[in-house]
N, C-alpha and C. Protein backbone atom coordinates (compact mmCIF):
# COMPACT_ATOMS: atom_id res chain seq x y z
N MET A 1 1.23 -1.31 0.35
CA MET A 1 -0.11 -0.09 0.19
C MET A 1 1.07 1.41 -0.12
N GLY A 2 0.38 2.21 -1.10
CA GLY A 2 1.18 2.77 -0.79
C GLY A 2 0.51 4.89 -1.00
N ILE A 3 1.51 5.16 -0.32
CA ILE A 3 0.48 6.65 0.22
C ILE A 3 -0.33 7.32 -0.50
N ARG A 4 -0.19 7.36 -1.54
CA ARG A 4 -1.20 7.92 -2.17
C ARG A 4 -2.48 6.84 -2.27
N ASP A 5 -2.57 5.53 -1.63
CA ASP A 5 -3.46 4.33 -1.52
C ASP A 5 -3.70 5.02 0.30
N VAL A 6 -3.28 5.27 0.90
CA VAL A 6 -3.41 5.85 2.05
C VAL A 6 -4.01 7.24 2.05
N ILE A 7 -3.25 8.51 1.11
CA ILE A 7 -4.35 9.15 1.35
C ILE A 7 -5.98 9.27 1.10
N GLU A 8 -6.13 8.47 -0.69
CA GLU A 8 -7.10 8.37 -1.20
C GLU A 8 -8.82 7.65 -0.19
N GLY A 9 -7.62 6.85 0.50
CA GLY A 9 -8.37 6.21 1.50
C GLY A 9 -9.07 6.75 2.79
N LYS A 10 -8.10 8.06 3.45
CA LYS A 10 -8.55 9.05 4.22
C LYS A 10 -9.15 9.64 3.61
N LYS A 11 -9.76 10.35 2.12
CA LYS A 11 -10.31 11.16 1.56
C LYS A 11 -11.90 10.28 1.56
N GLN A 12 -11.96 8.63 0.66
CA GLN A 12 -12.68 8.57 0.65
C GLN A 12 -13.92 8.36 2.66
N TRP A 13 -12.59 7.93 3.38
CA TRP A 13 -13.53 7.69 4.85
C TRP A 13 -14.10 8.92 5.22
N ARG A 14 -12.97 10.19 4.82
CA ARG A 14 -13.96 11.68 5.34
C ARG A 14 -15.48 11.96 4.91
N ALA A 15 -15.26 11.71 3.60
CA ALA A 15 -16.78 11.61 2.92
C ALA A 15 -18.04 10.97 3.38
N HIS A 16 -17.82 9.75 3.51
CA HIS A 16 -18.04 9.03 4.47
C HIS A 16 -18.94 9.38 5.63
N VAL A 17 -17.55 9.58 5.98
CA VAL A 17 -18.39 10.83 8.25
C VAL A 17 -18.96 11.92 7.33
N ALA A 18 -18.94 12.51 6.62
CA ALA A 18 -20.06 13.84 5.78
C ALA A 18 -20.64 13.58 5.97
N ARG A 19 -21.32 12.13 5.37
CA ARG A 19 -22.80 11.88 4.78
C ARG A 19 -23.22 11.39 6.33
N ILE A 20 -22.21 10.96 6.99
CA ILE A 20 -23.27 10.41 8.73
C ILE A 20 -23.92 11.71 9.43
N LYS A 21 -22.82 12.30 9.18
CA LYS A 21 -22.97 14.14 9.92
C LYS A 21 -23.95 14.76 8.99
N ALA A 22 -24.77 14.28 7.95
CA ALA A 22 -25.53 15.15 7.54
C ALA A 22 -27.13 13.96 8.05
N LEU A 23 -26.62 13.38 8.81
CA LEU A 23 -28.11 12.56 8.55
C LEU A 23 -28.48 12.86 9.87
N PRO A 24 -30.04 12.79 10.31
CA PRO A 24 -30.12 13.62 11.58
C PRO A 24 -29.83 12.33 12.48
N PRO A 25 -30.61 13.22 13.85
CA PRO A 25 -29.32 12.74 15.17
C PRO A 25 -29.56 11.57 15.18
N ASP A 26 -31.15 10.73 15.70
CA ASP A 26 -31.50 9.69 16.29
C ASP A 26 -30.53 8.35 15.21
N TYR A 27 -30.75 8.54 13.83
CA TYR A 27 -29.87 7.95 12.42
C TYR A 27 -28.10 7.91 12.79
N GLN A 28 -27.78 8.92 12.99
CA GLN A 28 -26.28 8.90 13.22
C GLN A 28 -26.36 8.52 14.64
N ILE A 29 -26.83 7.91 15.44
CA ILE A 29 -26.62 7.16 17.34
C ILE A 29 -26.50 5.40 16.91
N VAL A 30 -27.64 5.59 16.23
CA VAL A 30 -27.71 4.11 15.80
C VAL A 30 -26.26 3.42 14.68
N TYR A 31 -26.05 4.75 14.45
CA TYR A 31 -25.24 4.22 13.01
C TYR A 31 -24.06 3.38 13.60
N LYS A 32 -23.64 4.79 14.68
CA LYS A 32 -22.39 4.69 15.25
C LYS A 32 -22.66 3.55 16.07
N GLU A 33 -23.76 2.71 17.15
CA GLU A 33 -23.84 1.64 17.56
C GLU A 33 -23.80 0.64 16.80
N MET A 34 -24.00 0.58 15.69
CA MET A 34 -23.63 -0.13 14.79
C MET A 34 -22.31 -0.89 14.17
N LEU A 35 -21.30 0.83 14.26
CA LEU A 35 -20.07 0.50 13.58
C LEU A 35 -19.47 -0.49 15.27
N LYS A 36 -20.12 0.29 16.20
CA LYS A 36 -19.41 -0.39 17.46
C LYS A 36 -19.57 -2.40 17.51
N TYR A 37 -20.88 -2.43 17.08
CA TYR A 37 -21.40 -3.98 16.83
C TYR A 37 -20.50 -4.72 16.20
N LEU A 38 -20.65 -4.21 14.90
CA LEU A 38 -19.99 -4.36 13.60
C LEU A 38 -17.88 -4.88 13.40
N PHE A 39 -17.61 -4.07 14.18
CA PHE A 39 -16.24 -4.05 14.61
C PHE A 39 -15.81 -5.05 15.61
N LYS A 40 -16.79 -5.85 16.31
CA LYS A 40 -16.47 -6.25 17.67
C LYS A 40 -16.79 -7.68 16.59
N VAL A 41 -17.78 -7.51 16.22
CA VAL A 41 -17.90 -9.12 15.41
C VAL A 41 -17.19 -9.10 14.31
N GLY A 42 -16.89 -8.27 13.50
CA GLY A 42 -15.31 -8.91 13.09
C GLY A 42 -15.76 -8.89 11.59
N PRO A 43 -16.71 -8.42 9.85
CA PRO A 43 -16.39 -9.12 9.37
C PRO A 43 -15.40 -8.79 8.29
N ILE A 44 -14.99 -9.24 7.60
CA ILE A 44 -13.33 -9.34 7.56
C ILE A 44 -13.44 -8.17 6.36
N ASP A 45 -14.38 -7.78 5.53
CA ASP A 45 -14.40 -7.20 4.23
C ASP A 45 -14.85 -5.22 4.95
N LEU A 46 -15.15 -5.46 6.23
CA LEU A 46 -16.02 -4.07 6.75
C LEU A 46 -15.01 -2.61 5.97
N PRO A 47 -13.94 -2.67 6.57
CA PRO A 47 -13.61 -1.19 5.74
C PRO A 47 -13.65 -0.56 4.68
N ASP A 48 -13.34 -1.80 3.70
CA ASP A 48 -13.40 -1.78 2.30
C ASP A 48 -14.35 -1.78 2.14
N GLY A 49 -15.44 -2.63 2.37
CA GLY A 49 -16.71 -3.06 1.68
C GLY A 49 -17.42 -2.49 1.16
N PRO A 50 -18.91 -2.78 0.91
CA PRO A 50 -19.98 -2.00 0.38
C PRO A 50 -21.25 -1.78 1.28
N LEU A 51 -20.47 -3.06 2.78
CA LEU A 51 -21.60 -2.87 3.96
C LEU A 51 -22.25 -0.76 4.06
N LEU A 52 -20.99 -0.35 4.60
CA LEU A 52 -21.00 0.65 5.69
C LEU A 52 -21.31 1.91 4.13
N PRO A 53 -21.28 2.25 3.47
CA PRO A 53 -21.81 2.84 2.72
C PRO A 53 -23.54 1.46 1.87
N GLY A 54 -23.55 1.03 2.09
CA GLY A 54 -24.66 0.81 1.71
C GLY A 54 -25.51 0.81 2.69
N VAL A 55 -25.67 1.27 4.19
CA VAL A 55 -26.15 1.52 5.48
C VAL A 55 -26.76 2.87 4.94
N VAL A 56 -24.94 4.03 5.01
CA VAL A 56 -25.31 5.20 4.68
C VAL A 56 -27.01 5.21 3.47
N ASP A 57 -26.46 4.33 2.75
CA ASP A 57 -27.47 5.36 1.29
C ASP A 57 -29.04 4.85 1.79
N PHE A 58 -29.34 4.09 2.48
CA PHE A 58 -30.02 3.02 3.40
C PHE A 58 -30.41 4.75 4.79
N PHE A 59 -29.82 4.60 5.20
CA PHE A 59 -30.31 5.95 5.63
C PHE A 59 -30.95 6.39 5.26
N GLU A 60 -30.15 7.33 4.58
CA GLU A 60 -30.11 8.61 3.93
C GLU A 60 -31.49 8.39 3.09
N GLU A 61 -32.10 7.38 2.46
CA GLU A 61 -33.47 6.96 1.55
C GLU A 61 -34.60 7.20 2.74
N GLY A 62 -34.12 6.46 4.28
CA GLY A 62 -35.38 6.89 5.26
C GLY A 62 -35.42 8.07 5.43
N ALA A 63 -33.94 8.93 5.91
CA ALA A 63 -34.53 10.13 5.99
C ALA A 63 -35.33 11.01 5.21
N ALA A 64 -34.55 11.16 3.96
CA ALA A 64 -35.53 11.81 3.06
C ALA A 64 -37.11 11.29 2.96
N ALA A 65 -37.25 9.99 3.49
CA ALA A 65 -38.91 9.51 3.20
C ALA A 65 -39.54 10.23 5.07
N GLY A 66 -39.18 10.74 5.69
CA GLY A 66 -39.04 10.80 7.30
C GLY A 66 -39.34 9.77 7.92
N LYS A 67 -39.08 9.17 7.84
CA LYS A 67 -38.69 7.48 8.68
C LYS A 67 -37.70 8.59 9.56
N GLY A 68 -38.53 7.60 10.77
CA GLY A 68 -37.54 7.13 11.97
C GLY A 68 -36.45 6.25 11.72
N VAL A 69 -35.84 6.05 12.41
CA VAL A 69 -34.76 5.40 11.90
C VAL A 69 -35.25 3.88 12.43
N LEU A 70 -36.01 3.65 13.29
CA LEU A 70 -36.28 2.60 14.06
C LEU A 70 -36.94 1.73 13.47
N GLU A 71 -38.17 2.14 12.42
CA GLU A 71 -39.45 1.85 11.79
C GLU A 71 -37.76 1.24 10.28
N LEU A 72 -36.98 1.71 10.07
CA LEU A 72 -36.56 0.95 9.40
C LEU A 72 -35.52 -0.18 9.50
N ILE A 73 -35.37 -0.21 10.76
CA ILE A 73 -34.21 -1.13 10.98
C ILE A 73 -34.86 -2.19 12.21
N GLY A 74 -35.66 -1.49 13.16
CA GLY A 74 -36.75 -1.97 14.32
C GLY A 74 -35.76 -1.74 15.32
N THR A 75 -36.11 -2.70 16.74
CA THR A 75 -35.52 -1.41 18.10
C THR A 75 -34.38 -2.96 18.10
N ASP A 76 -34.12 -3.96 17.82
CA ASP A 76 -33.04 -5.22 17.89
C ASP A 76 -31.69 -4.82 16.78
N VAL A 77 -30.33 -3.12 17.07
CA VAL A 77 -29.71 -3.48 16.45
C VAL A 77 -28.93 -4.53 15.61
N ALA A 78 -28.46 -5.05 17.10
CA ALA A 78 -27.22 -6.25 17.14
C ALA A 78 -27.64 -6.74 16.03
N ALA A 79 -29.85 -7.51 15.79
CA ALA A 79 -30.18 -8.94 15.07
C ALA A 79 -30.17 -7.82 13.34
N PHE A 80 -30.27 -6.61 13.45
CA PHE A 80 -30.21 -6.11 11.62
C PHE A 80 -28.90 -6.56 11.54
N CYS A 81 -28.27 -5.51 12.11
CA CYS A 81 -26.74 -5.93 11.97
C CYS A 81 -26.05 -7.43 11.31
N ASP A 82 -26.37 -8.44 12.41
CA ASP A 82 -26.28 -9.60 12.53
C ASP A 82 -27.10 -10.09 10.53
N ASP A 83 -28.19 -10.29 10.36
CA ASP A 83 -29.09 -9.97 9.28
C ASP A 83 -28.42 -9.77 8.35
N LEU A 84 -27.79 -8.57 8.23
CA LEU A 84 -26.60 -7.58 7.41
C LEU A 84 -25.08 -8.57 7.24
N ILE A 85 -24.61 -8.98 8.09
CA ILE A 85 -23.50 -9.77 7.56
C ILE A 85 -23.59 -11.41 8.08
N LYS A 86 -24.78 -11.75 8.03
CA LYS A 86 -25.02 -13.11 7.62
C LYS A 86 -24.00 -13.95 6.83
N ASP A 87 -24.14 -13.45 5.43
CA ASP A 87 -22.93 -14.45 4.88
C ASP A 87 -21.92 -14.00 4.79
N SER A 88 -21.11 -13.09 5.56
CA SER A 88 -20.29 -12.31 5.28
C SER A 88 -18.95 -13.47 5.78
N ARG A 89 -17.83 -13.68 5.85
CA ARG A 89 -17.01 -14.21 6.39
C ARG A 89 -16.88 -13.25 7.34
N THR A 90 -16.28 -13.64 8.60
CA THR A 90 -15.43 -12.84 9.97
C THR A 90 -14.74 -13.41 10.45
N TYR A 91 -13.60 -12.62 11.50
CA TYR A 91 -12.80 -13.57 11.52
C TYR A 91 -12.79 -14.56 12.48
N ALA A 92 -13.71 -14.52 13.18
CA ALA A 92 -13.91 -15.75 14.13
C ALA A 92 -13.43 -16.89 13.29
N ASP A 93 -14.15 -16.97 12.05
CA ASP A 93 -14.67 -17.80 10.98
C ASP A 93 -12.88 -18.22 10.36
N LEU A 94 -12.00 -17.12 10.04
CA LEU A 94 -10.76 -16.78 10.02
C LEU A 94 -10.13 -18.05 11.33
N TYR A 95 -10.27 -17.95 12.42
CA TYR A 95 -9.40 -18.30 13.21
C TYR A 95 -10.54 -19.64 13.02
N GLN A 96 -11.52 -20.36 12.99
CA GLN A 96 -11.75 -21.37 13.27
C GLN A 96 -11.09 -22.37 12.02
N GLU A 97 -10.71 -21.86 10.79
CA GLU A 97 -9.88 -22.64 9.85
C GLU A 97 -8.87 -22.40 10.08
N SER A 98 -8.13 -21.53 10.98
CA SER A 98 -6.58 -21.65 11.12
C SER A 98 -6.47 -23.08 12.22
N LEU A 99 -7.84 -23.18 13.04
CA LEU A 99 -7.38 -24.31 14.33
C LEU A 99 -7.91 -25.64 13.31
N GLY A 100 -8.42 -25.77 12.22
CA GLY A 100 -8.33 -26.60 11.92
C GLY A 100 -9.72 -27.49 11.71
N ASN A 101 -10.83 -26.58 12.33
CA ASN A 101 -11.98 -27.11 12.80
C ASN A 101 -12.46 -26.01 11.59
N ASP A 102 -14.15 -26.69 11.98
CA ASP A 102 -15.24 -25.86 10.73
C ASP A 102 -15.75 -25.60 11.94
N PRO A 103 -16.39 -24.20 11.42
CA PRO A 103 -17.05 -23.22 12.51
C PRO A 103 -18.59 -24.14 12.96
N GLY A 104 -18.15 -23.70 13.88
CA GLY A 104 -19.87 -23.86 15.22
C GLY A 104 -19.48 -25.83 15.56
N THR A 105 -18.04 -26.16 15.39
CA THR A 105 -18.10 -27.53 15.19
C THR A 105 -17.27 -28.30 16.79
N ALA A 106 -16.98 -26.63 17.25
CA ALA A 106 -15.71 -26.30 18.64
C ALA A 106 -15.62 -27.55 19.57
N GLY A 107 -14.80 -28.63 19.97
CA GLY A 107 -15.23 -29.64 20.59
C GLY A 107 -16.12 -30.81 20.62
N LYS A 108 -16.64 -31.29 18.96
CA LYS A 108 -16.81 -32.85 18.32
C LYS A 108 -15.62 -33.58 18.28
């Protein structure tokens, strides 16, 4: 990764953050909670993948339609996040593979 890649990545992240700051306050709060959860769960492609920009697109559409954020995602933020990443590889999956076990077969 060269310096230009780093600079371009920072520009993209700043533009992403600016989009979040333009959302209504309740959307911003839920987005921050989603980030906390997703960084703990650890989908591998989270920083570079389409998930976060897609969530912001979804939130922008909801805000433009005048809907509250909980009308869009429901009251369980973690369940919404789990549904978003259900088919994504996580760092836990990588760890299981490094141990030579299939995910979900620990102790068998």
